[in-house]
PDB file of all heavy atoms in Angstrom:
ATOM      1  N   LYS A   1       0.839  -1.197   0.000  1.00  0.00           N
ATOM      2  CA  LYS A   1       0.000   0.000   0.000  1.00  0.00           C
ATOM      3  C   LYS A   1       0.871   1.244   0.000  1.00  0.00           C
ATOM      4  O   LYS A   1       2.027   1.209   0.416  1.00  0.00           O
ATOM      5  CB  LYS A   1      -0.944   0.018   1.199  1.00  0.00           C
ATOM      6  CG  LYS A   1      -0.248   0.086   2.556  1.00  0.00           C
ATOM      7  CD  LYS A   1      -1.269  -0.028   3.670  1.00  0.00           C
ATOM      8  CE  LYS A   1      -0.630  -0.245   5.009  1.00  0.00           C
ATOM      9  NZ  LYS A   1      -1.598  -0.631   6.030  1.00  0.00           N
ATOM     10  N   VAL A   2       0.297   2.323  -0.497  1.00  0.00           N
ATOM     11  CA  VAL A   2       0.939   3.630  -0.490  1.00  0.00           C
ATOM     12  C   VAL A   2       0.204   4.506   0.511  1.00  0.00           C
ATOM     13  O   VAL A   2      -1.032   4.552   0.515  1.00  0.00           O
ATOM     14  CB  VAL A   2       0.899   4.284  -1.893  1.00  0.00           C
ATOM     15  CG1 VAL A   2       1.367   5.731  -1.845  1.00  0.00           C
ATOM     16  CG2 VAL A   2       1.746   3.483  -2.883  1.00  0.00           C
ATOM     17  N   VAL A   3       0.954   5.197   1.366  1.00  0.00           N
ATOM     18  CA  VAL A   3       0.375   6.175   2.281  1.00  0.00           C
ATOM     19  C   VAL A   3       0.605   7.545   1.662  1.00  0.00           C
ATOM     20  O   VAL A   3       1.747   7.953   1.459  1.00  0.00           O
ATOM     21  CB  VAL A   3       1.020   6.098   3.683  1.00  0.00           C
ATOM     22  CG1 VAL A   3       0.440   7.173   4.595  1.00  0.00           C
ATOM     23  CG2 VAL A   3       0.826   4.716   4.285  1.00  0.00           C
ATOM     24  N   HIS A   4      -0.496   8.229   1.326  1.00  0.00           N
ATOM     25  CA  HIS A   4      -0.427   9.570   0.729  1.00  0.00           C
ATOM     26  C   HIS A   4      -0.667  10.611   1.814  1.00  0.00           C
ATOM     27  O   HIS A   4      -1.690  10.577   2.493  1.00  0.00           O
ATOM     28  CB  HIS A   4      -1.489   9.715  -0.365  1.00  0.00           C
ATOM     29  CG  HIS A   4      -1.614  11.124  -0.861  1.00  0.00           C
ATOM     30  ND1 HIS A   4      -0.718  11.660  -1.756  1.00  0.00           N
ATOM     31  CD2 HIS A   4      -2.495  12.102  -0.555  1.00  0.00           C
ATOM     32  CE1 HIS A   4      -1.061  12.919  -1.988  1.00  0.00           C
ATOM     33  NE2 HIS A   4      -2.135  13.206  -1.271  1.00  0.00           N
ATOM     34  N   ILE A   5       0.308  11.515   1.973  1.00  0.00           N
ATOM     35  CA  ILE A   5       0.183  12.619   2.924  1.00  0.00           C
ATOM     36  C   ILE A   5       0.251  13.913   2.121  1.00  0.00           C
ATOM     37  O   ILE A   5       1.284  14.227   1.532  1.00  0.00           O
ATOM     38  CB  ILE A   5       1.286  12.571   4.002  1.00  0.00           C
ATOM     39  CG1 ILE A   5       1.238  11.235   4.741  1.00  0.00           C
ATOM     40  CG2 ILE A   5       1.119  13.739   4.968  1.00  0.00           C
ATOM     41  CD1 ILE A   5       2.356  11.022   5.725  1.00  0.00           C
ATOM     42  N   PRO A   6      -0.859  14.656   2.066  1.00  0.00           N
ATOM     43  CA  PRO A   6      -0.870  15.873   1.255  1.00  0.00           C
ATOM     44  C   PRO A   6      -0.031  16.984   1.867  1.00  0.00           C
ATOM     45  O   PRO A   6       0.424  16.889   3.016  1.00  0.00           O
ATOM     46  CB  PRO A   6      -2.353  16.256   1.223  1.00  0.00           C
ATOM     47  CG  PRO A   6      -2.935  15.644   2.449  1.00  0.00           C
ATOM     48  CD  PRO A   6      -2.129  14.405   2.733  1.00  0.00           C
ATOM     49  N   ALA A   7       0.170  18.044   1.103  1.00  0.00           N
ATOM     50  CA  ALA A   7       0.850  19.228   1.620  1.00  0.00           C
ATOM     51  C   ALA A   7       0.095  19.742   2.848  1.00  0.00           C
ATOM     52  O   ALA A   7      -1.112  19.544   2.978  1.00  0.00           O
ATOM     53  CB  ALA A   7       0.887  20.307   0.541  1.00  0.00           C
ATOM     54  N   GLY A   8       0.833  20.377   3.764  1.00  0.00           N
ATOM     55  CA  GLY A   8       0.216  20.912   4.972  1.00  0.00           C
ATOM     56  C   GLY A   8       0.427  20.061   6.206  1.00  0.00           C
ATOM     57  O   GLY A   8      -0.093  20.367   7.276  1.00  0.00           O
ATOM     58  N   TYR A   9       1.201  19.001   6.073  1.00  0.00           N
ATOM     59  CA  TYR A   9       1.437  18.071   7.177  1.00  0.00           C
ATOM     60  C   TYR A   9       2.926  17.988   7.507  1.00  0.00           C
ATOM     61  O   TYR A   9       3.769  18.264   6.662  1.00  0.00           O
ATOM     62  CB  TYR A   9       0.952  16.669   6.801  1.00  0.00           C
ATOM     63  CG  TYR A   9      -0.539  16.505   6.861  1.00  0.00           C
ATOM     64  CD1 TYR A   9      -1.347  17.019   5.855  1.00  0.00           C
ATOM     65  CD2 TYR A   9      -1.147  15.854   7.931  1.00  0.00           C
ATOM     66  CE1 TYR A   9      -2.730  16.878   5.913  1.00  0.00           C
ATOM     67  CE2 TYR A   9      -2.526  15.709   7.986  1.00  0.00           C
ATOM     68  CZ  TYR A   9      -3.304  16.224   6.978  1.00  0.00           C
ATOM     69  OH  TYR A   9      -4.670  16.084   7.040  1.00  0.00           O
ATOM     70  N   ALA A  10       3.203  17.563   8.738  1.00  0.00           N
ATOM     71  CA  ALA A  10       4.557  17.181   9.146  1.00  0.00           C
ATOM     72  C   ALA A  10       4.527  15.673   9.360  1.00  0.00           C
ATOM     73  O   ALA A  10       3.525  15.120   9.817  1.00  0.00           O
ATOM     74  CB  ALA A  10       4.968  17.896  10.423  1.00  0.00           C
ATOM     75  N   ASN A  11       5.627  15.004   9.036  1.00  0.00           N
ATOM     76  CA  ASN A  11       5.653  13.555   9.194  1.00  0.00           C
ATOM     77  C   ASN A  11       6.886  13.091   9.941  1.00  0.00           C
ATOM     78  O   ASN A  11       7.881  13.801  10.037  1.00  0.00           O
ATOM     79  CB  ASN A  11       5.535  12.852   7.835  1.00  0.00           C
ATOM     80  CG  ASN A  11       6.712  13.114   6.940  1.00  0.00           C
ATOM     81  OD1 ASN A  11       7.826  12.687   7.221  1.00  0.00           O
ATOM     82  ND2 ASN A  11       6.501  13.816   5.838  1.00  0.00           N
ATOM     83  N   ALA A  12       6.764  11.888  10.472  1.00  0.00           N
ATOM     84  CA  ALA A  12       7.856  11.195  11.158  1.00  0.00           C
ATOM     85  C   ALA A  12       7.831   9.751  10.687  1.00  0.00           C
ATOM     86  O   ALA A  12       6.768   9.144  10.572  1.00  0.00           O
ATOM     87  CB  ALA A  12       7.669  11.259  12.675  1.00  0.00           C
ATOM     88  N   ILE A  13       9.004   9.228  10.404  1.00  0.00           N
ATOM     89  CA  ILE A  13       9.140   7.876   9.879  1.00  0.00           C
ATOM     90  C   ILE A  13       9.833   7.028  10.944  1.00  0.00           C
ATOM     91  O   ILE A  13      10.959   7.313  11.333  1.00  0.00           O
ATOM     92  CB  ILE A  13      10.008   7.878   8.594  1.00  0.00           C
ATOM     93  CG1 ILE A  13       9.505   8.901   7.583  1.00  0.00           C
ATOM     94  CG2 ILE A  13      10.105   6.487   8.009  1.00  0.00           C
ATOM     95  CD1 ILE A  13       8.076   8.749   7.182  1.00  0.00           C
ATOM     96  N   GLU A  14       9.162   5.983  11.407  1.00  0.00           N
ATOM     97  CA  GLU A  14       9.706   5.107  12.456  1.00  0.00           C
ATOM     98  C   GLU A  14       9.897   3.701  11.905  1.00  0.00           C
ATOM     99  O   GLU A  14       8.922   3.015  11.589  1.00  0.00           O
ATOM    100  CB  GLU A  14       8.748   5.088  13.648  1.00  0.00           C
ATOM    101  CG  GLU A  14       9.205   4.207  14.778  1.00  0.00           C
ATOM    102  CD  GLU A  14       8.240   4.195  15.952  1.00  0.00           C
ATOM    103  OE1 GLU A  14       7.144   4.774  15.863  1.00  0.00           O
ATOM    104  OE2 GLU A  14       8.593   3.572  16.969  1.00  0.00           O
ATOM    105  N   SER A  15      11.150   3.277  11.799  1.00  0.00           N
ATOM    106  CA  SER A  15      11.394   1.899  11.356  1.00  0.00           C
ATOM    107  C   SER A  15      11.191   0.959  12.544  1.00  0.00           C
ATOM    108  O   SER A  15      11.553   1.261  13.671  1.00  0.00           O
ATOM    109  CB  SER A  15      12.795   1.750  10.762  1.00  0.00           C
ATOM    110  OG  SER A  15      13.774   2.208  11.642  1.00  0.00           O
ATOM    111  N   LEU A  16      10.599  -0.186  12.256  1.00  0.00           N
ATOM    112  CA  LEU A  16      10.275  -1.156  13.300  1.00  0.00           C
ATOM    113  C   LEU A  16      11.185  -2.371  13.284  1.00  0.00           C
ATOM    114  O   LEU A  16      11.150  -3.178  14.213  1.00  0.00           O
ATOM    115  CB  LEU A  16       8.815  -1.602  13.152  1.00  0.00           C
ATOM    116  CG  LEU A  16       7.781  -0.472  13.212  1.00  0.00           C
ATOM    117  CD1 LEU A  16       6.381  -1.031  12.967  1.00  0.00           C
ATOM    118  CD2 LEU A  16       7.857   0.264  14.533  1.00  0.00           C
ATOM    119  N   GLU A  17      12.000  -2.508  12.219  1.00  0.00           N
ATOM    120  CA  GLU A  17      12.918  -3.628  12.083  1.00  0.00           C
ATOM    121  C   GLU A  17      14.231  -3.124  11.497  1.00  0.00           C
ATOM    122  O   GLU A  17      14.250  -2.128  10.772  1.00  0.00           O
ATOM    123  CB  GLU A  17      12.347  -4.673  11.107  1.00  0.00           C
ATOM    124  CG  GLU A  17      10.997  -5.230  11.467  1.00  0.00           C
ATOM    125  CD  GLU A  17      10.441  -6.100  10.349  1.00  0.00           C
ATOM    126  OE1 GLU A  17      11.201  -6.925   9.798  1.00  0.00           O
ATOM    127  OE2 GLU A  17       9.259  -5.941  10.008  1.00  0.00           O
ATOM    128  N   SER A  18      15.302  -3.816  11.791  1.00  0.00           N
ATOM    129  CA  SER A  18      16.592  -3.501  11.172  1.00  0.00           C
ATOM    130  C   SER A  18      16.496  -3.679   9.660  1.00  0.00           C
ATOM    131  O   SER A  18      15.772  -4.543   9.179  1.00  0.00           O
ATOM    132  CB  SER A  18      17.688  -4.430  11.703  1.00  0.00           C
ATOM    133  OG  SER A  18      17.934  -4.174  13.054  1.00  0.00           O
ATOM    134  N   ASN A  19      17.240  -2.861   8.948  1.00  0.00           N
ATOM    135  CA  ASN A  19      17.341  -2.933   7.488  1.00  0.00           C
ATOM    136  C   ASN A  19      16.033  -2.693   6.748  1.00  0.00           C
ATOM    137  O   ASN A  19      15.882  -3.111   5.603  1.00  0.00           O
ATOM    138  CB  ASN A  19      17.952  -4.273   7.050  1.00  0.00           C
ATOM    139  CG  ASN A  19      19.317  -4.486   7.661  1.00  0.00           C
ATOM    140  OD1 ASN A  19      20.152  -3.595   7.623  1.00  0.00           O
ATOM    141  ND2 ASN A  19      19.533  -5.651   8.246  1.00  0.00           N
ATOM    142  N   SER A  20      15.083  -2.018   7.389  1.00  0.00           N
ATOM    143  CA  SER A  20      13.841  -1.665   6.712  1.00  0.00           C
ATOM    144  C   SER A  20      14.121  -0.559   5.705  1.00  0.00           C
ATOM    145  O   SER A  20      14.959   0.315   5.938  1.00  0.00           O
ATOM    146  CB  SER A  20      12.788  -1.193   7.721  1.00  0.00           C
ATOM    147  OG  SER A  20      12.383  -2.255   8.557  1.00  0.00           O
ATOM    148  N   LYS A  21      13.411  -0.588   4.579  1.00  0.00           N
ATOM    149  CA  LYS A  21      13.573   0.423   3.529  1.00  0.00           C
ATOM    150  C   LYS A  21      12.202   0.927   3.091  1.00  0.00           C
ATOM    151  O   LYS A  21      11.284   0.140   2.859  1.00  0.00           O
ATOM    152  CB  LYS A  21      14.322  -0.142   2.327  1.00  0.00           C
ATOM    153  CG  LYS A  21      15.773  -0.458   2.617  1.00  0.00           C
ATOM    154  CD  LYS A  21      16.533  -0.781   1.344  1.00  0.00           C
ATOM    155  CE  LYS A  21      17.945  -1.226   1.590  1.00  0.00           C
ATOM    156  NZ  LYS A  21      18.748  -0.415   2.432  1.00  0.00           N
ATOM    157  N   LEU A  22      12.128   2.249   2.964  1.00  0.00           N
ATOM    158  CA  LEU A  22      10.894   2.921   2.591  1.00  0.00           C
ATOM    159  C   LEU A  22      11.185   3.824   1.402  1.00  0.00           C
ATOM    160  O   LEU A  22      12.192   4.541   1.402  1.00  0.00           O
ATOM    161  CB  LEU A  22      10.418   3.767   3.783  1.00  0.00           C
ATOM    162  CG  LEU A  22       9.072   4.443   3.690  1.00  0.00           C
ATOM    163  CD1 LEU A  22       7.949   3.414   3.875  1.00  0.00           C
ATOM    164  CD2 LEU A  22       8.957   5.514   4.774  1.00  0.00           C
ATOM    165  N   ILE A  23      10.329   3.785   0.388  1.00  0.00           N
ATOM    166  CA  ILE A  23      10.503   4.699  -0.736  1.00  0.00           C
ATOM    167  C   ILE A  23       9.509   5.851  -0.555  1.00  0.00           C
ATOM    168  O   ILE A  23       8.363   5.637  -0.153  1.00  0.00           O
ATOM    169  CB  ILE A  23      10.330   3.979  -2.095  1.00  0.00           C
ATOM    170  CG1 ILE A  23      10.772   4.893  -3.233  1.00  0.00           C
ATOM    171  CG2 ILE A  23       8.923   3.467  -2.299  1.00  0.00           C
ATOM    172  CD1 ILE A  23      10.985   4.167  -4.552  1.00  0.00           C
ATOM    173  N   SER A  24      10.006   7.061  -0.786  1.00  0.00           N
ATOM    174  CA  SER A  24       9.196   8.270  -0.645  1.00  0.00           C
ATOM    175  C   SER A  24       9.134   8.973  -1.996  1.00  0.00           C
ATOM    176  O   SER A  24      10.167   9.348  -2.544  1.00  0.00           O
ATOM    177  CB  SER A  24       9.833   9.193   0.397  1.00  0.00           C
ATOM    178  OG  SER A  24       9.206  10.459   0.401  1.00  0.00           O
ATOM    179  N   PHE A  25       7.922   9.119  -2.526  1.00  0.00           N
ATOM    180  CA  PHE A  25       7.711   9.837  -3.775  1.00  0.00           C
ATOM    181  C   PHE A  25       7.251  11.249  -3.439  1.00  0.00           C
ATOM    182  O   PHE A  25       6.296  11.423  -2.682  1.00  0.00           O
ATOM    183  CB  PHE A  25       6.640   9.146  -4.625  1.00  0.00           C
ATOM    184  CG  PHE A  25       6.990   7.744  -5.014  1.00  0.00           C
ATOM    185  CD1 PHE A  25       6.435   6.663  -4.356  1.00  0.00           C
ATOM    186  CD2 PHE A  25       7.878   7.498  -6.052  1.00  0.00           C
ATOM    187  CE1 PHE A  25       6.742   5.363  -4.722  1.00  0.00           C
ATOM    188  CE2 PHE A  25       8.202   6.193  -6.419  1.00  0.00           C
ATOM    189  CZ  PHE A  25       7.634   5.131  -5.752  1.00  0.00           C
ATOM    190  N   SER A  26       7.911  12.264  -4.000  1.00  0.00           N
ATOM    191  CA  SER A  26       7.617  13.661  -3.708  1.00  0.00           C
ATOM    192  C   SER A  26       7.054  14.368  -4.926  1.00  0.00           C
ATOM    193  O   SER A  26       7.446  14.086  -6.060  1.00  0.00           O
ATOM    194  CB  SER A  26       8.890  14.383  -3.256  1.00  0.00           C
ATOM    195  OG  SER A  26       9.369  13.819  -2.067  1.00  0.00           O
ATOM    196  N   THR A  27       6.178  15.346  -4.688  1.00  0.00           N
ATOM    197  CA  THR A  27       5.533  16.071  -5.778  1.00  0.00           C
ATOM    198  C   THR A  27       6.173  17.421  -6.077  1.00  0.00           C
ATOM    199  O   THR A  27       5.830  18.046  -7.071  1.00  0.00           O
ATOM    200  CB  THR A  27       4.042  16.301  -5.466  1.00  0.00           C
ATOM    201  OG1 THR A  27       3.925  17.074  -4.267  1.00  0.00           O
ATOM    202  CG2 THR A  27       3.309  14.980  -5.314  1.00  0.00           C
ATOM    203  N   LEU A  28       7.078  17.860  -5.249  1.00  0.00           N
ATOM    204  CA  LEU A  28       7.677  19.183  -5.436  1.00  0.00           C
ATOM    205  C   LEU A  28       9.032  19.075  -6.130  1.00  0.00           C
ATOM    206  O   LEU A  28       9.862  18.257  -5.719  1.00  0.00           O
ATOM    207  CB  LEU A  28       7.853  19.857  -4.066  1.00  0.00           C
ATOM    208  CG  LEU A  28       8.122  21.349  -4.064  1.00  0.00           C
ATOM    209  CD1 LEU A  28       6.930  22.126  -4.592  1.00  0.00           C
ATOM    210  CD2 LEU A  28       8.448  21.814  -2.653  1.00  0.00           C
ATOM    211  N   PRO A  29       9.284  19.876  -7.162  1.00  0.00           N
ATOM    212  CA  PRO A  29      10.611  19.848  -7.794  1.00  0.00           C
ATOM    213  C   PRO A  29      11.703  20.236  -6.796  1.00  0.00           C
ATOM    214  O   PRO A  29      11.477  21.043  -5.889  1.00  0.00           O
ATOM    215  CB  PRO A  29      10.508  20.890  -8.905  1.00  0.00           C
ATOM    216  CG  PRO A  29       9.047  21.095  -9.132  1.00  0.00           C
ATOM    217  CD  PRO A  29       8.376  20.811  -7.820  1.00  0.00           C
ATOM    218  N   LEU A  30      12.869  19.669  -6.971  1.00  0.00           N
ATOM    219  CA  LEU A  30      13.992  19.919  -6.068  1.00  0.00           C
ATOM    220  C   LEU A  30      14.320  21.412  -5.960  1.00  0.00           C
ATOM    221  O   LEU A  30      14.719  21.886  -4.903  1.00  0.00           O
ATOM    222  CB  LEU A  30      15.214  19.134  -6.542  1.00  0.00           C
ATOM    223  CG  LEU A  30      16.368  18.986  -5.579  1.00  0.00           C
ATOM    224  CD1 LEU A  30      15.933  18.369  -4.265  1.00  0.00           C
ATOM    225  CD2 LEU A  30      17.467  18.150  -6.204  1.00  0.00           C
ATOM    226  N   THR A  31      14.116  22.165  -7.024  1.00  0.00           N
ATOM    227  CA  THR A  31      14.412  23.603  -7.021  1.00  0.00           C
ATOM    228  C   THR A  31      13.515  24.394  -6.073  1.00  0.00           C
ATOM    229  O   THR A  31      13.838  25.519  -5.714  1.00  0.00           O
ATOM    230  CB  THR A  31      14.266  24.198  -8.434  1.00  0.00           C
ATOM    231  OG1 THR A  31      12.944  23.920  -8.909  1.00  0.00           O
ATOM    232  CG2 THR A  31      15.293  23.601  -9.380  1.00  0.00           C
ATOM    233  N   LYS A  32      12.393  23.812  -5.633  1.00  0.00           N
ATOM    234  CA  LYS A  32      11.441  24.500  -4.745  1.00  0.00           C
ATOM    235  C   LYS A  32      11.528  24.037  -3.292  1.00  0.00           C
ATOM    236  O   LYS A  32      10.826  24.554  -2.434  1.00  0.00           O
ATOM    237  CB  LYS A  32      10.010  24.273  -5.243  1.00  0.00           C
ATOM    238  CG  LYS A  32       9.763  24.686  -6.650  1.00  0.00           C
ATOM    239  CD  LYS A  32       9.368  26.114  -6.708  1.00  0.00           C
ATOM    240  CE  LYS A  32       8.952  26.454  -8.127  1.00  0.00           C
ATOM    241  NZ  LYS A  32       8.707  27.840  -8.299  1.00  0.00           N
ATOM    242  N   VAL A  33      12.377  23.047  -3.009  1.00  0.00           N
ATOM    243  CA  VAL A  33      12.425  22.450  -1.673  1.00  0.00           C
ATOM    244  C   VAL A  33      12.779  23.467  -0.587  1.00  0.00           C
ATOM    245  O   VAL A  33      12.209  23.445   0.501  1.00  0.00           O
ATOM    246  CB  VAL A  33      13.397  21.246  -1.654  1.00  0.00           C
ATOM    247  CG1 VAL A  33      13.690  20.790  -0.238  1.00  0.00           C
ATOM    248  CG2 VAL A  33      12.815  20.106  -2.461  1.00  0.00           C
TER     249      VAL A  33
END
């Protein structure tokens, strides 16, 4: 599943196991970060 968090939020990522990997897709161009 994909968790979509719209603009206007703050997030925290908590890994629950060693060597866990999460991919994050962003909608903002790097020039605007």
